[in-house]
PDB file of all heavy atoms in Angstrom:
ATOM      1  N   LEU A   1      31.511 104.593  97.359  1.00  0.00           N
ATOM      2  CA  LEU A   1      31.859 103.349  96.679  1.00  0.00           C
ATOM      3  C   LEU A   1      32.052 102.238  97.696  1.00  0.00           C
ATOM      4  O   LEU A   1      32.683 102.424  98.742  1.00  0.00           O
ATOM      5  CB  LEU A   1      33.136 103.530  95.858  1.00  0.00           C
ATOM      6  CG  LEU A   1      33.110 104.611  94.772  1.00  0.00           C
ATOM      7  CD1 LEU A   1      34.409 104.594  93.982  1.00  0.00           C
ATOM      8  CD2 LEU A   1      31.916 104.425  93.838  1.00  0.00           C
ATOM      9  N   ARG A   2      31.554 101.045  97.373  1.00  0.00           N
ATOM     10  CA  ARG A   2      31.664  99.872  98.226  1.00  0.00           C
ATOM     11  C   ARG A   2      32.287  98.737  97.412  1.00  0.00           C
ATOM     12  O   ARG A   2      31.804  98.400  96.336  1.00  0.00           O
ATOM     13  CB  ARG A   2      30.290  99.447  98.732  1.00  0.00           C
ATOM     14  CG  ARG A   2      29.531 100.547  99.508  1.00  0.00           C
ATOM     15  CD  ARG A   2      30.113 100.741 100.885  1.00  0.00           C
ATOM     16  NE  ARG A   2      29.342 101.672 101.697  1.00  0.00           N
ATOM     17  CZ  ARG A   2      29.006 101.457 102.976  1.00  0.00           C
ATOM     18  NH1 ARG A   2      29.390 100.334 103.567  1.00  0.00           N
ATOM     19  NH2 ARG A   2      28.322 102.362 103.642  1.00  0.00           N
ATOM     20  N   THR A   3      33.338  98.146  97.935  1.00  0.00           N
ATOM     21  CA  THR A   3      34.075  97.110  97.215  1.00  0.00           C
ATOM     22  C   THR A   3      33.234  95.851  97.065  1.00  0.00           C
ATOM     23  O   THR A   3      32.704  95.321  98.050  1.00  0.00           O
ATOM     24  CB  THR A   3      35.375  96.761  97.951  1.00  0.00           C
ATOM     25  OG1 THR A   3      36.169  97.939  98.071  1.00  0.00           O
ATOM     26  CG2 THR A   3      36.167  95.712  97.187  1.00  0.00           C
ATOM     27  N   LEU A   4      33.132  95.360  95.835  1.00  0.00           N
ATOM     28  CA  LEU A   4      32.423  94.107  95.579  1.00  0.00           C
ATOM     29  C   LEU A   4      33.338  92.909  95.854  1.00  0.00           C
ATOM     30  O   LEU A   4      34.562  93.021  95.758  1.00  0.00           O
ATOM     31  CB  LEU A   4      31.938  94.076  94.133  1.00  0.00           C
ATOM     32  CG  LEU A   4      30.736  94.982  93.827  1.00  0.00           C
ATOM     33  CD1 LEU A   4      30.590  95.211  92.338  1.00  0.00           C
ATOM     34  CD2 LEU A   4      29.460  94.364  94.402  1.00  0.00           C
ATOM     35  N   PRO A   5      32.754  91.757  96.194  1.00  0.00           N
ATOM     36  CA  PRO A   5      33.573  90.561  96.456  1.00  0.00           C
ATOM     37  C   PRO A   5      34.442  90.191  95.265  1.00  0.00           C
ATOM     38  O   PRO A   5      34.120  90.482  94.109  1.00  0.00           O
ATOM     39  CB  PRO A   5      32.528  89.485  96.745  1.00  0.00           C
ATOM     40  CG  PRO A   5      31.325  90.230  97.212  1.00  0.00           C
ATOM     41  CD  PRO A   5      31.320  91.521  96.442  1.00  0.00           C
ATOM     42  N   ALA A   6      35.544  89.508  95.547  1.00  0.00           N
ATOM     43  CA  ALA A   6      36.547  89.192  94.525  1.00  0.00           C
ATOM     44  C   ALA A   6      35.964  88.375  93.379  1.00  0.00           C
ATOM     45  O   ALA A   6      36.321  88.586  92.211  1.00  0.00           O
ATOM     46  CB  ALA A   6      37.718  88.455  95.165  1.00  0.00           C
ATOM     47  N   ASP A   7      35.062  87.437  93.674  1.00  0.00           N
ATOM     48  CA  ASP A   7      34.520  86.612  92.590  1.00  0.00           C
ATOM     49  C   ASP A   7      33.630  87.426  91.669  1.00  0.00           C
ATOM     50  O   ASP A   7      33.611  87.200  90.449  1.00  0.00           O
ATOM     51  CB  ASP A   7      33.782  85.395  93.144  1.00  0.00           C
ATOM     52  CG  ASP A   7      32.576  85.780  94.000  1.00  0.00           C
ATOM     53  OD1 ASP A   7      32.645  86.811  94.692  1.00  0.00           O
ATOM     54  OD2 ASP A   7      31.568  85.037  93.970  1.00  0.00           O
ATOM     55  N   ILE A   8      32.907  88.406  92.232  1.00  0.00           N
ATOM     56  CA  ILE A   8      32.090  89.287  91.397  1.00  0.00           C
ATOM     57  C   ILE A   8      32.986  90.192  90.562  1.00  0.00           C
ATOM     58  O   ILE A   8      32.735  90.421  89.370  1.00  0.00           O
ATOM     59  CB  ILE A   8      31.143  90.129  92.263  1.00  0.00           C
ATOM     60  CG1 ILE A   8      30.214  89.233  93.079  1.00  0.00           C
ATOM     61  CG2 ILE A   8      30.344  91.098  91.399  1.00  0.00           C
ATOM     62  CD1 ILE A   8      29.233  88.449  92.265  1.00  0.00           C
ATOM     63  N   GLN A   9      34.056  90.695  91.181  1.00  0.00           N
ATOM     64  CA  GLN A   9      35.029  91.511  90.440  1.00  0.00           C
ATOM     65  C   GLN A   9      35.538  90.745  89.227  1.00  0.00           C
ATOM     66  O   GLN A   9      35.588  91.266  88.107  1.00  0.00           O
ATOM     67  CB  GLN A   9      36.218  91.862  91.341  1.00  0.00           C
ATOM     68  CG  GLN A   9      35.897  92.736  92.516  1.00  0.00           C
ATOM     69  CD  GLN A   9      36.164  94.204  92.240  1.00  0.00           C
ATOM     70  OE1 GLN A   9      36.675  94.576  91.197  1.00  0.00           O
ATOM     71  NE2 GLN A   9      35.789  95.038  93.182  1.00  0.00           N
ATOM     72  N   ALA A  10      35.922  89.489  89.443  1.00  0.00           N
ATOM     73  CA  ALA A  10      36.474  88.680  88.351  1.00  0.00           C
ATOM     74  C   ALA A  10      35.439  88.455  87.261  1.00  0.00           C
ATOM     75  O   ALA A  10      35.751  88.516  86.064  1.00  0.00           O
ATOM     76  CB  ALA A  10      36.980  87.348  88.899  1.00  0.00           C
ATOM     77  N   SER A  11      34.196  88.209  87.655  1.00  0.00           N
ATOM     78  CA  SER A  11      33.136  87.986  86.660  1.00  0.00           C
ATOM     79  C   SER A  11      32.878  89.243  85.842  1.00  0.00           C
ATOM     80  O   SER A  11      32.692  89.182  84.621  1.00  0.00           O
ATOM     81  CB  SER A  11      31.851  87.540  87.358  1.00  0.00           C
ATOM     82  OG  SER A  11      32.009  86.292  87.976  1.00  0.00           O
ATOM     83  N   LEU A  12      32.867  90.409  86.512  1.00  0.00           N
ATOM     84  CA  LEU A  12      32.627  91.660  85.796  1.00  0.00           C
ATOM     85  C   LEU A  12      33.767  91.993  84.845  1.00  0.00           C
ATOM     86  O   LEU A  12      33.550  92.604  83.795  1.00  0.00           O
ATOM     87  CB  LEU A  12      32.414  92.801  86.791  1.00  0.00           C
ATOM     88  CG  LEU A  12      31.083  92.764  87.539  1.00  0.00           C
ATOM     89  CD1 LEU A  12      31.085  93.750  88.697  1.00  0.00           C
ATOM     90  CD2 LEU A  12      29.922  93.071  86.594  1.00  0.00           C
ATOM     91  N   GLN A  13      34.981  91.598  85.193  1.00  0.00           N
ATOM     92  CA  GLN A  13      36.102  91.791  84.261  1.00  0.00           C
ATOM     93  C   GLN A  13      35.850  91.037  82.966  1.00  0.00           C
ATOM     94  O   GLN A  13      36.309  91.447  81.896  1.00  0.00           O
ATOM     95  CB  GLN A  13      37.415  91.314  84.894  1.00  0.00           C
ATOM     96  CG  GLN A  13      37.882  92.106  86.098  1.00  0.00           C
ATOM     97  CD  GLN A  13      38.435  93.474  85.757  1.00  0.00           C
ATOM     98  OE1 GLN A  13      38.595  93.822  84.589  1.00  0.00           O
ATOM     99  NE2 GLN A  13      38.725  94.267  86.788  1.00  0.00           N
ATOM    100  N   GLY A  14      35.057  89.969  83.039  1.00  0.00           N
ATOM    101  CA  GLY A  14      34.780  89.163  81.851  1.00  0.00           C
ATOM    102  C   GLY A  14      33.571  89.606  81.071  1.00  0.00           C
ATOM    103  O   GLY A  14      33.324  89.089  79.976  1.00  0.00           O
ATOM    104  N   GLY A  15      32.778  90.539  81.606  1.00  0.00           N
ATOM    105  CA  GLY A  15      31.626  91.009  80.852  1.00  0.00           C
ATOM    106  C   GLY A  15      30.492  91.461  81.741  1.00  0.00           C
ATOM    107  O   GLY A  15      30.545  91.315  82.961  1.00  0.00           O
ATOM    108  N   PHE A  16      29.445  91.976  81.105  1.00  0.00           N
ATOM    109  CA  PHE A  16      28.325  92.577  81.817  1.00  0.00           C
ATOM    110  C   PHE A  16      27.033  91.839  81.530  1.00  0.00           C
ATOM    111  O   PHE A  16      25.989  92.450  81.344  1.00  0.00           O
ATOM    112  CB  PHE A  16      28.190  94.048  81.422  1.00  0.00           C
ATOM    113  CG  PHE A  16      29.240  94.927  82.022  1.00  0.00           C
ATOM    114  CD1 PHE A  16      30.496  94.998  81.463  1.00  0.00           C
ATOM    115  CD2 PHE A  16      28.985  95.658  83.162  1.00  0.00           C
ATOM    116  CE1 PHE A  16      31.477  95.791  82.014  1.00  0.00           C
ATOM    117  CE2 PHE A  16      29.953  96.456  83.730  1.00  0.00           C
ATOM    118  CZ  PHE A  16      31.207  96.525  83.161  1.00  0.00           C
ATOM    119  N   ASP A  17      27.084  90.513  81.526  1.00  0.00           N
ATOM    120  CA  ASP A  17      25.870  89.764  81.272  1.00  0.00           C
ATOM    121  C   ASP A  17      24.905  89.936  82.443  1.00  0.00           C
ATOM    122  O   ASP A  17      25.292  90.263  83.569  1.00  0.00           O
ATOM    123  CB  ASP A  17      26.185  88.285  81.042  1.00  0.00           C
ATOM    124  CG  ASP A  17      26.827  87.652  82.262  1.00  0.00           C
ATOM    125  OD1 ASP A  17      28.062  87.790  82.407  1.00  0.00           O
ATOM    126  OD2 ASP A  17      26.103  87.064  83.067  1.00  0.00           O
ATOM    127  N   LEU A  18      23.638  89.718  82.170  1.00  0.00           N
ATOM    128  CA  LEU A  18      22.597  89.967  83.162  1.00  0.00           C
ATOM    129  C   LEU A  18      22.757  89.100  84.399  1.00  0.00           C
ATOM    130  O   LEU A  18      22.457  89.529  85.518  1.00  0.00           O
ATOM    131  CB  LEU A  18      21.218  89.754  82.530  1.00  0.00           C
ATOM    132  CG  LEU A  18      20.845  90.740  81.415  1.00  0.00           C
ATOM    133  CD1 LEU A  18      19.478  90.391  80.830  1.00  0.00           C
ATOM    134  CD2 LEU A  18      20.828  92.170  81.930  1.00  0.00           C
ATOM    135  N   ARG A  19      23.250  87.886  84.228  1.00  0.00           N
ATOM    136  CA  ARG A  19      23.418  87.001  85.385  1.00  0.00           C
ATOM    137  C   ARG A  19      24.460  87.562  86.346  1.00  0.00           C
ATOM    138  O   ARG A  19      24.258  87.571  87.564  1.00  0.00           O
ATOM    139  CB  ARG A  19      23.827  85.597  84.921  1.00  0.00           C
ATOM    140  CG  ARG A  19      23.999  84.601  86.057  1.00  0.00           C
ATOM    141  CD  ARG A  19      24.346  83.223  85.539  1.00  0.00           C
ATOM    142  NE  ARG A  19      23.284  82.701  84.673  1.00  0.00           N
ATOM    143  CZ  ARG A  19      23.363  81.521  84.049  1.00  0.00           C
ATOM    144  NH1 ARG A  19      24.427  80.764  84.178  1.00  0.00           N
ATOM    145  NH2 ARG A  19      22.367  81.120  83.298  1.00  0.00           N
ATOM    146  N   THR A  20      25.584  88.039  85.806  1.00  0.00           N
ATOM    147  CA  THR A  20      26.625  88.606  86.661  1.00  0.00           C
ATOM    148  C   THR A  20      26.124  89.857  87.372  1.00  0.00           C
ATOM    149  O   THR A  20      26.363  90.054  88.573  1.00  0.00           O
ATOM    150  CB  THR A  20      27.877  88.941  85.829  1.00  0.00           C
ATOM    151  OG1 THR A  20      28.398  87.732  85.251  1.00  0.00           O
ATOM    152  CG2 THR A  20      28.951  89.590  86.682  1.00  0.00           C
ATOM    153  N   LEU A  21      25.407  90.723  86.655  1.00  0.00           N
ATOM    154  CA  LEU A  21      24.869  91.925  87.281  1.00  0.00           C
ATOM    155  C   LEU A  21      23.844  91.576  88.355  1.00  0.00           C
ATOM    156  O   LEU A  21      23.762  92.247  89.387  1.00  0.00           O
ATOM    157  CB  LEU A  21      24.246  92.831  86.234  1.00  0.00           C
ATOM    158  CG  LEU A  21      25.227  93.637  85.384  1.00  0.00           C
ATOM    159  CD1 LEU A  21      24.481  94.384  84.291  1.00  0.00           C
ATOM    160  CD2 LEU A  21      26.029  94.605  86.230  1.00  0.00           C
ATOM    161  N   SER A  22      23.072  90.526  88.119  1.00  0.00           N
ATOM    162  CA  SER A  22      22.103  90.104  89.123  1.00  0.00           C
ATOM    163  C   SER A  22      22.812  89.644  90.393  1.00  0.00           C
ATOM    164  O   SER A  22      22.377  89.970  91.514  1.00  0.00           O
ATOM    165  CB  SER A  22      21.227  88.978  88.567  1.00  0.00           C
ATOM    166  OG  SER A  22      20.322  88.518  89.543  1.00  0.00           O
ATOM    167  N   ARG A  23      23.912  88.917  90.246  1.00  0.00           N
ATOM    168  CA  ARG A  23      24.679  88.487  91.417  1.00  0.00           C
ATOM    169  C   ARG A  23      25.246  89.692  92.153  1.00  0.00           C
ATOM    170  O   ARG A  23      25.202  89.764  93.391  1.00  0.00           O
ATOM    171  CB  ARG A  23      25.817  87.557  90.986  1.00  0.00           C
ATOM    172  CG  ARG A  23      25.376  86.170  90.547  1.00  0.00           C
ATOM    173  CD  ARG A  23      26.567  85.361  90.088  1.00  0.00           C
ATOM    174  NE  ARG A  23      27.542  85.204  91.160  1.00  0.00           N
ATOM    175  CZ  ARG A  23      28.862  85.098  90.951  1.00  0.00           C
ATOM    176  NH1 ARG A  23      29.341  85.158  89.713  1.00  0.00           N
ATOM    177  NH2 ARG A  23      29.668  84.941  91.972  1.00  0.00           N
ATOM    178  N   ALA A  24      25.769  90.663  91.399  1.00  0.00           N
ATOM    179  CA  ALA A  24      26.321  91.864  92.035  1.00  0.00           C
ATOM    180  C   ALA A  24      25.224  92.643  92.749  1.00  0.00           C
ATOM    181  O   ALA A  24      25.443  93.204  93.838  1.00  0.00           O
ATOM    182  CB  ALA A  24      27.006  92.735  90.997  1.00  0.00           C
ATOM    183  N   SER A  25      24.036  92.682  92.149  1.00  0.00           N
ATOM    184  CA  SER A  25      22.925  93.430  92.736  1.00  0.00           C
ATOM    185  C   SER A  25      22.389  92.783  94.007  1.00  0.00           C
ATOM    186  O   SER A  25      21.701  93.439  94.804  1.00  0.00           O
ATOM    187  CB  SER A  25      21.784  93.560  91.731  1.00  0.00           C
ATOM    188  OG  SER A  25      22.180  94.271  90.584  1.00  0.00           O
ATOM    189  N   SER A  26      22.680  91.498  94.185  1.00  0.00           N
ATOM    190  CA  SER A  26      22.139  90.786  95.351  1.00  0.00           C
ATOM    191  C   SER A  26      22.794  91.234  96.654  1.00  0.00           C
ATOM    192  O   SER A  26      22.276  90.948  97.736  1.00  0.00           O
ATOM    193  CB  SER A  26      22.316  89.275  95.175  1.00  0.00           C
ATOM    194  OG  SER A  26      23.693  88.906  95.224  1.00  0.00           O
ATOM    195  N   PHE A  27      23.931  91.936  96.570  1.00  0.00           N
ATOM    196  CA  PHE A  27      24.607  92.420  97.770  1.00  0.00           C
ATOM    197  C   PHE A  27      24.054  93.788  98.162  1.00  0.00           C
ATOM    198  O   PHE A  27      23.911  94.676  97.311  1.00  0.00           O
ATOM    199  CB  PHE A  27      26.116  92.538  97.535  1.00  0.00           C
ATOM    200  CG  PHE A  27      26.803  91.212  97.352  1.00  0.00           C
ATOM    201  CD1 PHE A  27      26.950  90.664  96.091  1.00  0.00           C
ATOM    202  CD2 PHE A  27      27.290  90.511  98.443  1.00  0.00           C
ATOM    203  CE1 PHE A  27      27.578  89.428  95.910  1.00  0.00           C
ATOM    204  CE2 PHE A  27      27.926  89.290  98.278  1.00  0.00           C
ATOM    205  CZ  PHE A  27      28.067  88.747  97.010  1.00  0.00           C
ATOM    206  N   ASN A  28      23.759  93.952  99.424  1.00  0.00           N
ATOM    207  CA  ASN A  28      23.364  95.263  99.946  1.00  0.00           C
ATOM    208  C   ASN A  28      24.603  96.132 100.034  1.00  0.00           C
ATOM    209  O   ASN A  28      25.530  95.828 100.792  1.00  0.00           O
ATOM    210  CB  ASN A  28      22.723  95.103 101.320  1.00  0.00           C
ATOM    211  CG  ASN A  28      22.253  96.423 101.903  1.00  0.00           C
ATOM    212  OD1 ASN A  28      22.598  97.502 101.415  1.00  0.00           O
ATOM    213  ND2 ASN A  28      21.460  96.350 102.948  1.00  0.00           N
ATOM    214  N   ALA A  29      24.635  97.210  99.248  1.00  0.00           N
ATOM    215  CA  ALA A  29      25.841  98.047  99.194  1.00  0.00           C
ATOM    216  C   ALA A  29      26.241  98.544 100.575  1.00  0.00           C
ATOM    217  O   ALA A  29      27.433  98.684 100.875  1.00  0.00           O
ATOM    218  CB  ALA A  29      25.618  99.226  98.250  1.00  0.00           C
ATOM    219  N   GLU A  30      25.252  98.787 101.437  1.00  0.00           N
ATOM    220  CA  GLU A  30      25.556  99.354 102.754  1.00  0.00           C
ATOM    221  C   GLU A  30      26.352  98.392 103.632  1.00  0.00           C
ATOM    222  O   GLU A  30      26.940  98.807 104.633  1.00  0.00           O
ATOM    223  CB  GLU A  30      24.251  99.747 103.467  1.00  0.00           C
ATOM    224  CG  GLU A  30      23.313 100.614 102.642  1.00  0.00           C
ATOM    225  CD  GLU A  30      23.910 101.949 102.240  1.00  0.00           C
ATOM    226  OE1 GLU A  30      24.646 102.534 103.035  1.00  0.00           O
ATOM    227  OE2 GLU A  30      23.632 102.409 101.109  1.00  0.00           O
ATOM    228  N   THR A  31      26.366  97.106 103.271  1.00  0.00           N
ATOM    229  CA  THR A  31      27.088  96.120 104.080  1.00  0.00           C
ATOM    230  C   THR A  31      28.481  95.812 103.537  1.00  0.00           C
ATOM    231  O   THR A  31      29.233  95.073 104.171  1.00  0.00           O
ATOM    232  CB  THR A  31      26.283  94.813 104.153  1.00  0.00           C
ATOM    233  OG1 THR A  31      26.238  94.198 102.848  1.00  0.00           O
ATOM    234  CG2 THR A  31      24.866  95.062 104.643  1.00  0.00           C
ATOM    235  N   LEU A  32      28.822  96.353 102.376  1.00  0.00           N
ATOM    236  CA  LEU A  32      30.111  96.066 101.761  1.00  0.00           C
ATOM    237  C   LEU A  32      31.182  97.027 102.266  1.00  0.00           C
ATOM    238  O   LEU A  32      30.871  98.139 102.724  1.00  0.00           O
ATOM    239  CB  LEU A  32      29.991  96.179 100.233  1.00  0.00           C
ATOM    240  CG  LEU A  32      29.064  95.162  99.555  1.00  0.00           C
ATOM    241  CD1 LEU A  32      28.856  95.532  98.082  1.00  0.00           C
ATOM    242  CD2 LEU A  32      29.632  93.746  99.664  1.00  0.00           C
ATOM    243  N   PRO A  33      32.482  96.652 102.176  1.00  0.00           N
ATOM    244  CA  PRO A  33      33.553  97.531 102.660  1.00  0.00           C
ATOM    245  C   PRO A  33      33.596  98.851 101.891  1.00  0.00           C
ATOM    246  O   PRO A  33      33.451  98.881 100.665  1.00  0.00           O
ATOM    247  CB  PRO A  33      34.826  96.709 102.404  1.00  0.00           C
ATOM    248  CG  PRO A  33      34.367  95.299 102.293  1.00  0.00           C
ATOM    249  CD  PRO A  33      32.992  95.348 101.713  1.00  0.00           C
ATOM    250  N   ILE A  34      33.800  99.937 102.620  1.00  0.00           N
ATOM    251  CA  ILE A  34      33.865 101.262 102.012  1.00  0.00           C
ATOM    252  C   ILE A  34      35.210 101.453 101.319  1.00  0.00           C
ATOM    253  O   ILE A  34      36.260 101.081 101.854  1.00  0.00           O
ATOM    254  CB  ILE A  34      33.674 102.353 103.075  1.00  0.00           C
ATOM    255  CG1 ILE A  34      32.286 102.248 103.707  1.00  0.00           C
ATOM    256  CG2 ILE A  34      33.864 103.744 102.489  1.00  0.00           C
ATOM    257  CD1 ILE A  34      32.074 103.181 104.877  1.00  0.00           C
ATOM    258  N   VAL A  35      35.180 102.034 100.117  1.00  0.00           N
ATOM    259  CA  VAL A  35      36.405 102.419  99.420  1.00  0.00           C
ATOM    260  C   VAL A  35      36.815 103.793  99.950  1.00  0.00           C
ATOM    261  O   VAL A  35      36.044 104.753  99.872  1.00  0.00           O
ATOM    262  CB  VAL A  35      36.187 102.478  97.898  1.00  0.00           C
ATOM    263  CG1 VAL A  35      37.474 102.913  97.187  1.00  0.00           C
ATOM    264  CG2 VAL A  35      35.714 101.127  97.377  1.00  0.00           C
ATOM    265  N   THR A  36      38.018 103.891 100.471  1.00  0.00           N
ATOM    266  CA  THR A  36      38.474 105.139 101.094  1.00  0.00           C
ATOM    267  C   THR A  36      39.425 105.898 100.173  1.00  0.00           C
ATOM    268  O   THR A  36      39.732 105.460  99.060  1.00  0.00           O
ATOM    269  CB  THR A  36      39.173 104.829 102.423  1.00  0.00           C
ATOM    270  OG1 THR A  36      40.277 103.939 102.181  1.00  0.00           O
ATOM    271  CG2 THR A  36      38.211 104.181 103.414  1.00  0.00           C
ATOM    272  N   ASP A  37      39.875 107.061 100.628  1.00  0.00           N
ATOM    273  CA  ASP A  37      40.910 107.864  99.963  1.00  0.00           C
ATOM    274  C   ASP A  37      40.444 108.545  98.684  1.00  0.00           C
ATOM    275  O   ASP A  37      41.252 108.837  97.803  1.00  0.00           O
ATOM    276  CB  ASP A  37      42.162 107.028  99.657  1.00  0.00           C
ATOM    277  CG  ASP A  37      42.772 106.433 100.910  1.00  0.00           C
ATOM    278  OD1 ASP A  37      42.699 107.102 101.973  1.00  0.00           O
ATOM    279  OD2 ASP A  37      43.300 105.307 100.847  1.00  0.00           O
ATOM    280  N   SER A  38      39.143 108.802  98.540  1.00  0.00           N
ATOM    281  CA  SER A  38      38.623 109.549  97.379  1.00  0.00           C
ATOM    282  C   SER A  38      39.193 109.023  96.061  1.00  0.00           C
ATOM    283  O   SER A  38      39.902 109.729  95.347  1.00  0.00           O
ATOM    284  CB  SER A  38      38.947 111.043  97.528  1.00  0.00           C
ATOM    285  OG  SER A  38      38.372 111.562  98.696  1.00  0.00           O
ATOM    286  N   PRO A  39      38.899 107.790  95.719  1.00  0.00           N
ATOM    287  CA  PRO A  39      39.473 107.207  94.504  1.00  0.00           C
ATOM    288  C   PRO A  39      38.989 107.914  93.246  1.00  0.00           C
ATOM    289  O   PRO A  39      37.915 108.504  93.211  1.00  0.00           O
ATOM    290  CB  PRO A  39      38.979 105.762  94.536  1.00  0.00           C
ATOM    291  CG  PRO A  39      37.707 105.838  95.317  1.00  0.00           C
ATOM    292  CD  PRO A  39      37.932 106.891  96.363  1.00  0.00           C
TER     293      PRO A  39
END
């Protein structure tokens, strides 16, 4: 798991419209912070 930026988190809390998912998809997961501690 890789943590998404705060603004994307907030947008996803509001819904799963295609525009929001497209913004989330634009981030390379390998470059995002790793979620630790086996959540």
